[in-house]
Amino acid sequence: MMQHEGFSIAHACQLTSTSRAGFYRHWEECAPRQADSSLRHAMQQIVLENRRYGYRRVTAALRRDGHPVNAKRVLRLMREDNLLALRAQRWVLTTDSQHTLPVYPNIAASLPVTGINQLWVADITYVRLREGFVYVAVILDAYSRRVVGWNIDEHLRAELVVTALDRAMAERVIEPGIVHHSDRGVQYCSNDYIQRLDRFGFRISMSRLGNPYDNAKAESFMRTLKAEEVRLQDYRDLEHARTSVSHFIEAIYNRKRLHSSLAYASPCEFERQLPEPVPA
């Protein structure tokens, strides 16, 4: 008799007042999508670690890791996830710097940061769901490492980062001249985003092409998010991911997580300890 997580299917259906036909119908609908998501996640990890792999090498690597796949399926999924044309870039799913929009020089690299609201850094990453992916955009204050704005959604349109910026502006009061640094992704170069930055008086800074170290603080946060939140969860859907990521950012990372670079204080605690600014 078929078993499911320690129960026979018949027993599980009896406990939940579900017909066996209904259970199998639901299983046949969900299991392939979840298996597809698992395969796509493994595939993306391989491409991130081996950025010049084509679909044949990715297929071989997947088979070595225990995924019984054929090359045609891998090629189809790599096309759908845009891993073929962009596989040489660091953030395969999120950064499209092959566009004709204006870009800006990196002025953050030579900026002496001595307090909050002098330099904000922004980045995007992806988060896996049981069936599919969503994307997280964040803005950090580079001095305190505090996440001042964020957004999570199912798309990579400019609205993803615009909403994160709007939340940051609702959270902080800034003076004109603050520097906003990001990569050269099409979202950050979009007219909507640039116009908002101009309206609020930001100086715009962008990483050099193909140089992820130019945005190291933002990428450091993304690694923390993945290691301490995302990889420990099994997000059912967008709302589940949004609730869990929000709790991690607001309740754990900003308020409780100790940073060695902040003398082992949390970002919020570090900001509270800063001296009051001297009036001009």
C-alpha atoms as a PDB file:
ATOM      1  CA  MET A   1       0.000   0.000   0.000  1.00  0.00           C
ATOM      2  CA  MET A   2       1.297   3.441  -0.910  1.00  0.00           C
ATOM      3  CA  GLN A   3       2.764   5.377   2.030  1.00  0.00           C
ATOM      4  CA  HIS A   4       2.945   9.168   2.390  1.00  0.00           C
ATOM      5  CA  GLU A   5       5.114  10.603   5.214  1.00  0.00           C
ATOM      6  CA  GLY A   6       4.522   7.609   7.505  1.00  0.00           C
ATOM      7  CA  PHE A   7       0.792   7.183   6.787  1.00  0.00           C
ATOM      8  CA  SER A   8      -0.920   4.970   4.291  1.00  0.00           C
ATOM      9  CA  ILE A   9      -2.840   7.010   1.744  1.00  0.00           C
ATOM     10  CA  ALA A  10      -6.102   5.386   2.834  1.00  0.00           C
ATOM     11  CA  HIS A  11      -5.464   6.311   6.502  1.00  0.00           C
ATOM     12  CA  ALA A  12      -4.476   9.865   5.634  1.00  0.00           C
ATOM     13  CA  CYS A  13      -7.598  10.332   3.504  1.00  0.00           C
ATOM     14  CA  GLN A  14      -9.751   8.973   6.323  1.00  0.00           C
ATOM     15  CA  LEU A  15      -8.219  11.372   8.870  1.00  0.00           C
ATOM     16  CA  THR A  16      -8.741  14.399   6.623  1.00  0.00           C
ATOM     17  CA  SER A  17     -12.162  13.377   5.248  1.00  0.00           C
ATOM     18  CA  THR A  18     -10.700  13.400   1.725  1.00  0.00           C
ATOM     19  CA  SER A  19     -11.573  10.932  -0.984  1.00  0.00           C
ATOM     20  CA  ARG A  20      -8.725   8.862  -2.373  1.00  0.00           C
ATOM     21  CA  ALA A  21      -9.652  10.031  -5.866  1.00  0.00           C
ATOM     22  CA  GLY A  22      -9.377  13.651  -4.685  1.00  0.00           C
ATOM     23  CA  PHE A  23      -5.982  12.988  -3.095  1.00  0.00           C
ATOM     24  CA  TYR A  24      -4.535  11.414  -6.225  1.00  0.00           C
ATOM     25  CA  ARG A  25      -5.973  14.171  -8.402  1.00  0.00           C
ATOM     26  CA  HIS A  26      -4.281  16.814  -6.202  1.00  0.00           C
ATOM     27  CA  TRP A  27      -1.029  14.826  -6.105  1.00  0.00           C
ATOM     28  CA  GLU A  28      -0.952  14.435  -9.879  1.00  0.00           C
ATOM     29  CA  GLU A  29      -1.422  18.208 -10.274  1.00  0.00           C
ATOM     30  CA  CYS A  30       1.114  19.364  -7.648  1.00  0.00           C
ATOM     31  CA  ALA A  31       3.888  16.765  -7.677  1.00  0.00           C
ATOM     32  CA  PRO A  32       5.144  17.513 -11.212  1.00  0.00           C
ATOM     33  CA  ARG A  33       5.235  21.274 -10.553  1.00  0.00           C
ATOM     34  CA  GLN A  34       7.098  20.800  -7.275  1.00  0.00           C
ATOM     35  CA  ALA A  35       9.558  18.428  -8.922  1.00  0.00           C
ATOM     36  CA  ASP A  36      10.071  20.968 -11.709  1.00  0.00           C
ATOM     37  CA  SER A  37      10.780  23.719  -9.151  1.00  0.00           C
ATOM     38  CA  SER A  38      13.288  21.485  -7.379  1.00  0.00           C
ATOM     39  CA  LEU A  39      15.070  20.747 -10.640  1.00  0.00           C
ATOM     40  CA  ARG A  40      15.126  24.418 -11.671  1.00  0.00           C
ATOM     41  CA  HIS A  41      16.573  25.408  -8.310  1.00  0.00           C
ATOM     42  CA  ALA A  42      19.350  22.816  -8.623  1.00  0.00           C
ATOM     43  CA  MET A  43      19.995  23.936 -12.180  1.00  0.00           C
ATOM     44  CA  GLN A  44      20.288  27.601 -11.183  1.00  0.00           C
ATOM     45  CA  GLN A  45      22.706  26.766  -8.382  1.00  0.00           C
ATOM     46  CA  ILE A  46      24.919  24.912 -10.857  1.00  0.00           C
ATOM     47  CA  VAL A  47      24.907  27.868 -13.271  1.00  0.00           C
ATOM     48  CA  LEU A  48      25.667  30.355 -10.477  1.00  0.00           C
ATOM     49  CA  GLU A  49      28.688  28.293  -9.438  1.00  0.00           C
ATOM     50  CA  ASN A  50      29.796  27.505 -13.009  1.00  0.00           C
ATOM     51  CA  ARG A  51      28.782  30.566 -14.985  1.00  0.00           C
ATOM     52  CA  ARG A  52      30.075  29.358 -18.357  1.00  0.00           C
ATOM     53  CA  TYR A  53      28.306  25.994 -18.349  1.00  0.00           C
ATOM     54  CA  GLY A  54      26.050  25.312 -21.306  1.00  0.00           C
ATOM     55  CA  TYR A  55      23.011  23.036 -21.134  1.00  0.00           C
ATOM     56  CA  ARG A  56      25.026  19.857 -21.844  1.00  0.00           C
ATOM     57  CA  ARG A  57      27.390  20.418 -18.898  1.00  0.00           C
ATOM     58  CA  VAL A  58      24.455  21.444 -16.705  1.00  0.00           C
ATOM     59  CA  THR A  59      22.693  18.203 -17.673  1.00  0.00           C
ATOM     60  CA  ALA A  60      25.789  16.188 -16.744  1.00  0.00           C
ATOM     61  CA  ALA A  61      26.119  18.001 -13.404  1.00  0.00           C
ATOM     62  CA  LEU A  62      22.433  17.413 -12.610  1.00  0.00           C
ATOM     63  CA  ARG A  63      22.782  13.697 -13.369  1.00  0.00           C
ATOM     64  CA  ARG A  64      25.845  13.480 -11.104  1.00  0.00           C
ATOM     65  CA  ASP A  65      23.706  15.011  -8.344  1.00  0.00           C
ATOM     66  CA  GLY A  66      20.994  12.401  -8.801  1.00  0.00           C
ATOM     67  CA  HIS A  67      18.536  14.182 -11.113  1.00  0.00           C
ATOM     68  CA  PRO A  68      17.426  11.822 -13.937  1.00  0.00           C
ATOM     69  CA  VAL A  69      16.978  14.455 -16.650  1.00  0.00           C
ATOM     70  CA  ASN A  70      17.536  14.642 -20.377  1.00  0.00           C
ATOM     71  CA  ALA A  71      19.309  17.447 -22.202  1.00  0.00           C
ATOM     72  CA  LYS A  72      16.181  18.638 -24.038  1.00  0.00           C
ATOM     73  CA  ARG A  73      14.364  19.308 -20.775  1.00  0.00           C
ATOM     74  CA  VAL A  74      17.373  21.132 -19.323  1.00  0.00           C
ATOM     75  CA  LEU A  75      17.687  23.253 -22.470  1.00  0.00           C
ATOM     76  CA  ARG A  76      13.979  24.173 -22.267  1.00  0.00           C
ATOM     77  CA  LEU A  77      14.208  25.156 -18.589  1.00  0.00           C
ATOM     78  CA  MET A  78      17.416  27.135 -19.106  1.00  0.00           C
ATOM     79  CA  ARG A  79      15.687  29.058 -21.903  1.00  0.00           C
ATOM     80  CA  GLU A  80      12.649  29.749 -19.715  1.00  0.00           C
ATOM     81  CA  ASP A  81      14.833  30.998 -16.843  1.00  0.00           C
ATOM     82  CA  ASN A  82      17.085  33.018 -19.168  1.00  0.00           C
ATOM     83  CA  LEU A  83      20.173  31.071 -18.118  1.00  0.00           C
ATOM     84  CA  LEU A  84      21.622  30.620 -21.575  1.00  0.00           C
ATOM     85  CA  ALA A  85      22.274  34.226 -22.605  1.00  0.00           C
ATOM     86  CA  LEU A  86      23.070  35.506 -19.111  1.00  0.00           C
ATOM     87  CA  ARG A  87      24.966  32.622 -17.595  1.00  0.00           C
ATOM     88  CA  ALA A  88      28.224  34.615 -17.395  1.00  0.00           C
ATOM     89  CA  GLN A  89      26.661  37.172 -15.041  1.00  0.00           C
ATOM     90  CA  ARG A  90      26.750  36.821 -11.274  1.00  0.00           C
ATOM     91  CA  TRP A  91      23.024  37.227 -10.566  1.00  0.00           C
ATOM     92  CA  VAL A  92      21.646  35.146 -13.386  1.00  0.00           C
ATOM     93  CA  LEU A  93      17.967  35.608 -12.683  1.00  0.00           C
ATOM     94  CA  THR A  94      17.903  39.217 -11.586  1.00  0.00           C
ATOM     95  CA  THR A  95      20.486  41.372 -13.345  1.00  0.00           C
ATOM     96  CA  ASP A  96      20.046  42.304 -16.976  1.00  0.00           C
ATOM     97  CA  SER A  97      22.710  44.893 -17.735  1.00  0.00           C
ATOM     98  CA  GLN A  98      22.498  44.342 -21.509  1.00  0.00           C
ATOM     99  CA  HIS A  99      20.273  47.326 -22.212  1.00  0.00           C
ATOM    100  CA  THR A 100      20.517  50.751 -23.813  1.00  0.00           C
ATOM    101  CA  LEU A 101      19.347  52.812 -20.822  1.00  0.00           C
ATOM    102  CA  PRO A 102      21.755  55.379 -19.318  1.00  0.00           C
ATOM    103  CA  VAL A 103      24.159  54.112 -16.631  1.00  0.00           C
ATOM    104  CA  TYR A 104      26.097  56.070 -14.017  1.00  0.00           C
ATOM    105  CA  PRO A 105      29.710  55.927 -12.753  1.00  0.00           C
ATOM    106  CA  ASN A 106      30.645  54.348  -9.441  1.00  0.00           C
ATOM    107  CA  ILE A 107      30.989  57.242  -7.004  1.00  0.00           C
ATOM    108  CA  ALA A 108      30.318  55.096  -3.925  1.00  0.00           C
ATOM    109  CA  ALA A 109      33.777  53.496  -4.095  1.00  0.00           C
ATOM    110  CA  SER A 110      35.513  56.751  -3.142  1.00  0.00           C
ATOM    111  CA  LEU A 111      32.845  58.027  -0.746  1.00  0.00           C
ATOM    112  CA  PRO A 112      33.917  58.305   2.929  1.00  0.00           C
ATOM    113  CA  VAL A 113      30.837  57.119   4.856  1.00  0.00           C
ATOM    114  CA  THR A 114      30.758  58.532   8.378  1.00  0.00           C
ATOM    115  CA  GLY A 115      27.078  58.287   9.301  1.00  0.00           C
ATOM    116  CA  ILE A 116      23.650  57.056   8.326  1.00  0.00           C
ATOM    117  CA  ASN A 117      21.753  58.432   5.332  1.00  0.00           C
ATOM    118  CA  GLN A 118      24.930  59.129   3.388  1.00  0.00           C
ATOM    119  CA  LEU A 119      25.000  55.979   1.221  1.00  0.00           C
ATOM    120  CA  TRP A 120      22.206  53.527   0.430  1.00  0.00           C
ATOM    121  CA  VAL A 121      22.949  50.295  -1.424  1.00  0.00           C
ATOM    122  CA  ALA A 122      20.368  48.266  -3.348  1.00  0.00           C
ATOM    123  CA  ASP A 123      20.187  44.765  -4.792  1.00  0.00           C
ATOM    124  CA  ILE A 124      17.804  42.026  -5.999  1.00  0.00           C
ATOM    125  CA  THR A 125      17.825  38.268  -5.453  1.00  0.00           C
ATOM    126  CA  TYR A 126      15.470  35.365  -6.124  1.00  0.00           C
ATOM    127  CA  VAL A 127      13.670  33.129  -3.622  1.00  0.00           C
ATOM    128  CA  ARG A 128      12.424  29.670  -4.431  1.00  0.00           C
ATOM    129  CA  LEU A 129       8.832  28.605  -3.695  1.00  0.00           C
ATOM    130  CA  ARG A 130       7.475  25.072  -3.821  1.00  0.00           C
ATOM    131  CA  GLU A 131       6.275  25.860  -7.322  1.00  0.00           C
ATOM    132  CA  GLY A 132       8.204  28.701  -8.927  1.00  0.00           C
ATOM    133  CA  PHE A 133      10.183  31.723  -7.783  1.00  0.00           C
ATOM    134  CA  VAL A 134       9.709  35.229  -6.420  1.00  0.00           C
ATOM    135  CA  TYR A 135      12.145  38.135  -6.239  1.00  0.00           C
ATOM    136  CA  VAL A 136      13.327  40.265  -3.315  1.00  0.00           C
ATOM    137  CA  ALA A 137      14.573  43.842  -3.695  1.00  0.00           C
ATOM    138  CA  VAL A 138      16.274  45.517  -0.727  1.00  0.00           C
ATOM    139  CA  ILE A 139      17.843  48.874   0.156  1.00  0.00           C
ATOM    140  CA  LEU A 140      20.360  49.079   3.024  1.00  0.00           C
ATOM    141  CA  ASP A 141      21.944  51.992   4.789  1.00  0.00           C
ATOM    142  CA  ALA A 142      25.623  51.253   4.166  1.00  0.00           C
ATOM    143  CA  TYR A 143      26.750  52.732   7.497  1.00  0.00           C
ATOM    144  CA  SER A 144      24.422  50.854   9.863  1.00  0.00           C
ATOM    145  CA  ARG A 145      23.673  47.883   7.562  1.00  0.00           C
ATOM    146  CA  ARG A 146      19.987  48.394   8.331  1.00  0.00           C
ATOM    147  CA  VAL A 147      17.436  47.358   5.707  1.00  0.00           C
ATOM    148  CA  VAL A 148      15.488  50.573   5.180  1.00  0.00           C
ATOM    149  CA  GLY A 149      13.324  49.396   2.280  1.00  0.00           C
ATOM    150  CA  TRP A 150      12.376  46.105   0.697  1.00  0.00           C
ATOM    151  CA  ASN A 151       9.816  44.448  -1.554  1.00  0.00           C
ATOM    152  CA  ILE A 152       9.008  40.926  -2.720  1.00  0.00           C
ATOM    153  CA  ASP A 153       6.954  39.989  -5.773  1.00  0.00           C
ATOM    154  CA  GLU A 154       6.566  37.497  -8.617  1.00  0.00           C
ATOM    155  CA  HIS A 155       8.023  39.739 -11.321  1.00  0.00           C
ATOM    156  CA  LEU A 156      11.220  41.632 -12.164  1.00  0.00           C
ATOM    157  CA  ARG A 157       9.610  44.773 -13.525  1.00  0.00           C
ATOM    158  CA  ALA A 158      10.737  48.198 -12.334  1.00  0.00           C
ATOM    159  CA  GLU A 159       7.830  48.328  -9.850  1.00  0.00           C
ATOM    160  CA  LEU A 160       9.689  45.765  -7.730  1.00  0.00           C
ATOM    161  CA  VAL A 161      12.495  48.206  -6.900  1.00  0.00           C
ATOM    162  CA  VAL A 162      10.314  51.331  -7.021  1.00  0.00           C
ATOM    163  CA  THR A 163       8.164  49.941  -4.187  1.00  0.00           C
ATOM    164  CA  ALA A 164      11.273  49.132  -2.143  1.00  0.00           C
ATOM    165  CA  LEU A 165      12.485  52.711  -2.629  1.00  0.00           C
ATOM    166  CA  ASP A 166       9.090  54.149  -1.680  1.00  0.00           C
ATOM    167  CA  ARG A 167       9.151  52.130   1.550  1.00  0.00           C
ATOM    168  CA  ALA A 168      12.639  53.372   2.329  1.00  0.00           C
ATOM    169  CA  MET A 169      11.572  56.984   1.799  1.00  0.00           C
ATOM    170  CA  ALA A 170       8.596  56.446   4.122  1.00  0.00           C
ATOM    171  CA  GLU A 171      10.989  55.030   6.737  1.00  0.00           C
ATOM    172  CA  ARG A 172      13.730  57.687   6.630  1.00  0.00           C
ATOM    173  CA  VAL A 173      14.078  61.435   6.389  1.00  0.00           C
ATOM    174  CA  ILE A 174      17.040  62.242   4.154  1.00  0.00           C
ATOM    175  CA  GLU A 175      18.805  65.320   2.853  1.00  0.00           C
ATOM    176  CA  PRO A 176      19.534  65.908  -0.851  1.00  0.00           C
ATOM    177  CA  GLY A 177      22.947  64.591  -1.844  1.00  0.00           C
ATOM    178  CA  ILE A 178      22.645  61.085  -0.367  1.00  0.00           C
ATOM    179  CA  VAL A 179      24.210  58.494  -2.690  1.00  0.00           C
ATOM    180  CA  HIS A 180      22.172  55.573  -4.029  1.00  0.00           C
ATOM    181  CA  HIS A 181      24.332  52.687  -5.278  1.00  0.00           C
ATOM    182  CA  SER A 182      23.181  49.637  -7.243  1.00  0.00           C
ATOM    183  CA  ASP A 183      24.233  47.392 -10.086  1.00  0.00           C
ATOM    184  CA  ARG A 184      23.468  48.310 -13.705  1.00  0.00           C
ATOM    185  CA  GLY A 185      20.335  46.171 -13.884  1.00  0.00           C
ATOM    186  CA  VAL A 186      17.539  47.389 -16.116  1.00  0.00           C
ATOM    187  CA  GLN A 187      15.268  47.911 -13.102  1.00  0.00           C
ATOM    188  CA  TYR A 188      17.634  50.432 -11.503  1.00  0.00           C
ATOM    189  CA  CYS A 189      18.232  52.184 -14.832  1.00  0.00           C
ATOM    190  CA  SER A 190      14.527  52.430 -15.677  1.00  0.00           C
ATOM    191  CA  ASN A 191      12.989  55.847 -16.167  1.00  0.00           C
ATOM    192  CA  ASP A 192      10.577  55.395 -13.240  1.00  0.00           C
ATOM    193  CA  TYR A 193      13.373  54.585 -10.808  1.00  0.00           C
ATOM    194  CA  ILE A 194      15.812  57.254 -12.001  1.00  0.00           C
ATOM    195  CA  GLN A 195      13.088  59.908 -11.909  1.00  0.00           C
ATOM    196  CA  ARG A 196      12.285  59.003  -8.291  1.00  0.00           C
ATOM    197  CA  LEU A 197      15.929  59.210  -7.312  1.00  0.00           C
ATOM    198  CA  ASP A 198      16.237  62.606  -9.006  1.00  0.00           C
ATOM    199  CA  ARG A 199      13.070  63.863  -7.302  1.00  0.00           C
ATOM    200  CA  PHE A 200      14.416  62.999  -3.854  1.00  0.00           C
ATOM    201  CA  GLY A 201      17.829  64.514  -4.563  1.00  0.00           C
ATOM    202  CA  PHE A 202      19.907  61.326  -4.718  1.00  0.00           C
ATOM    203  CA  ARG A 203      23.315  61.172  -6.347  1.00  0.00           C
ATOM    204  CA  ILE A 204      23.269  58.008  -8.450  1.00  0.00           C
ATOM    205  CA  SER A 205      26.109  55.481  -8.381  1.00  0.00           C
ATOM    206  CA  MET A 206      26.346  52.123 -10.167  1.00  0.00           C
ATOM    207  CA  SER A 207      28.780  49.221 -10.070  1.00  0.00           C
ATOM    208  CA  ARG A 208      31.259  48.674 -12.836  1.00  0.00           C
ATOM    209  CA  LEU A 209      30.156  46.126 -15.411  1.00  0.00           C
ATOM    210  CA  GLY A 210      30.763  42.578 -14.194  1.00  0.00           C
ATOM    211  CA  ASN A 211      32.229  43.647 -10.840  1.00  0.00           C
ATOM    212  CA  PRO A 212      30.038  42.333  -7.960  1.00  0.00           C
ATOM    213  CA  TYR A 213      32.522  43.547  -5.325  1.00  0.00           C
ATOM    214  CA  ASP A 214      31.391  47.113  -6.029  1.00  0.00           C
ATOM    215  CA  ASN A 215      28.167  46.322  -4.158  1.00  0.00           C
ATOM    216  CA  ALA A 216      29.631  44.062  -1.499  1.00  0.00           C
ATOM    217  CA  LYS A 217      27.488  45.225   1.447  1.00  0.00           C
ATOM    218  CA  ALA A 218      24.222  44.593  -0.365  1.00  0.00           C
ATOM    219  CA  GLU A 219      25.422  41.210  -1.579  1.00  0.00           C
ATOM    220  CA  SER A 220      26.572  40.349   1.946  1.00  0.00           C
ATOM    221  CA  PHE A 221      23.045  40.934   3.192  1.00  0.00           C
ATOM    222  CA  MET A 222      21.642  38.742   0.405  1.00  0.00           C
ATOM    223  CA  ARG A 223      23.955  35.905   1.471  1.00  0.00           C
ATOM    224  CA  THR A 224      22.742  36.322   5.057  1.00  0.00           C
ATOM    225  CA  LEU A 225      19.117  36.299   3.916  1.00  0.00           C
ATOM    226  CA  LYS A 226      19.661  33.099   1.945  1.00  0.00           C
ATOM    227  CA  ALA A 227      21.650  31.317   4.685  1.00  0.00           C
ATOM    228  CA  GLU A 228      19.618  32.319   7.744  1.00  0.00           C
ATOM    229  CA  GLU A 229      16.095  32.553   6.302  1.00  0.00           C
ATOM    230  CA  VAL A 230      15.467  31.272   2.798  1.00  0.00           C
ATOM    231  CA  ARG A 231      17.315  27.942   2.973  1.00  0.00           C
ATOM    232  CA  LEU A 232      15.601  27.081   6.270  1.00  0.00           C
ATOM    233  CA  GLN A 233      12.093  27.563   4.862  1.00  0.00           C
ATOM    234  CA  ASP A 234       9.725  25.820   2.483  1.00  0.00           C
ATOM    235  CA  TYR A 235       7.627  28.673   1.143  1.00  0.00           C
ATOM    236  CA  ARG A 236       4.197  27.602  -0.069  1.00  0.00           C
ATOM    237  CA  ASP A 237       3.458  30.718  -2.113  1.00  0.00           C
ATOM    238  CA  LEU A 238       4.167  34.436  -2.454  1.00  0.00           C
ATOM    239  CA  GLU A 239       2.238  35.440   0.671  1.00  0.00           C
ATOM    240  CA  HIS A 240       4.018  32.840   2.802  1.00  0.00           C
ATOM    241  CA  ALA A 241       7.395  34.054   1.530  1.00  0.00           C
ATOM    242  CA  ARG A 242       6.423  37.699   2.011  1.00  0.00           C
ATOM    243  CA  THR A 243       5.347  37.131   5.630  1.00  0.00           C
ATOM    244  CA  SER A 244       8.410  35.083   6.541  1.00  0.00           C
ATOM    245  CA  VAL A 245      10.950  37.350   4.817  1.00  0.00           C
ATOM    246  CA  SER A 246       9.311  40.416   6.375  1.00  0.00           C
ATOM    247  CA  HIS A 247       9.643  38.881   9.851  1.00  0.00           C
ATOM    248  CA  PHE A 248      13.290  38.032   9.239  1.00  0.00           C
ATOM    249  CA  ILE A 249      14.162  41.525   7.995  1.00  0.00           C
ATOM    250  CA  GLU A 250      12.193  43.571  10.512  1.00  0.00           C
ATOM    251  CA  ALA A 251      12.244  41.441  13.658  1.00  0.00           C
ATOM    252  CA  ILE A 252      15.468  39.436  13.329  1.00  0.00           C
ATOM    253  CA  TYR A 253      18.008  41.109  11.041  1.00  0.00           C
ATOM    254  CA  ASN A 254      17.339  44.774  11.821  1.00  0.00           C
ATOM    255  CA  ARG A 255      16.618  44.397  15.533  1.00  0.00           C
ATOM    256  CA  LYS A 256      18.343  41.288  16.886  1.00  0.00           C
ATOM    257  CA  ARG A 257      21.118  40.003  14.620  1.00  0.00           C
ATOM    258  CA  LEU A 258      24.551  41.056  15.899  1.00  0.00           C
ATOM    259  CA  HIS A 259      27.098  42.331  13.361  1.00  0.00           C
ATOM    260  CA  SER A 260      30.808  42.072  13.958  1.00  0.00           C
ATOM    261  CA  SER A 261      31.296  45.208  11.814  1.00  0.00           C
ATOM    262  CA  LEU A 262      28.966  47.096  14.206  1.00  0.00           C
ATOM    263  CA  ALA A 263      30.840  46.071  17.384  1.00  0.00           C
ATOM    264  CA  TYR A 264      28.354  43.212  17.788  1.00  0.00           C
ATOM    265  CA  ALA A 265      25.254  45.387  17.857  1.00  0.00           C
ATOM    266  CA  SER A 266      22.158  44.997  15.699  1.00  0.00           C
ATOM    267  CA  PRO A 267      21.578  47.674  13.039  1.00  0.00           C
ATOM    268  CA  CYS A 268      18.765  49.299  15.034  1.00  0.00           C
ATOM    269  CA  GLU A 269      20.788  49.220  18.249  1.00  0.00           C
ATOM    270  CA  PHE A 270      23.813  50.653  16.454  1.00  0.00           C
ATOM    271  CA  GLU A 271      21.742  53.550  15.103  1.00  0.00           C
ATOM    272  CA  ARG A 272      20.315  54.280  18.566  1.00  0.00           C
ATOM    273  CA  GLN A 273      23.851  54.559  19.940  1.00  0.00           C
ATOM    274  CA  LEU A 274      24.917  57.155  17.375  1.00  0.00           C
ATOM    275  CA  PRO A 275      25.332  60.722  18.624  1.00  0.00           C
ATOM    276  CA  GLU A 276      22.639  63.211  17.683  1.00  0.00           C
ATOM    277  CA  PRO A 277      23.598  65.211  14.577  1.00  0.00           C
ATOM    278  CA  VAL A 278      24.867  68.707  15.281  1.00  0.00           C
ATOM    279  CA  PRO A 279      22.502  71.373  13.869  1.00  0.00           C
ATOM    280  CA  ALA A 280      23.955  73.266  10.906  1.00  0.00           C
END
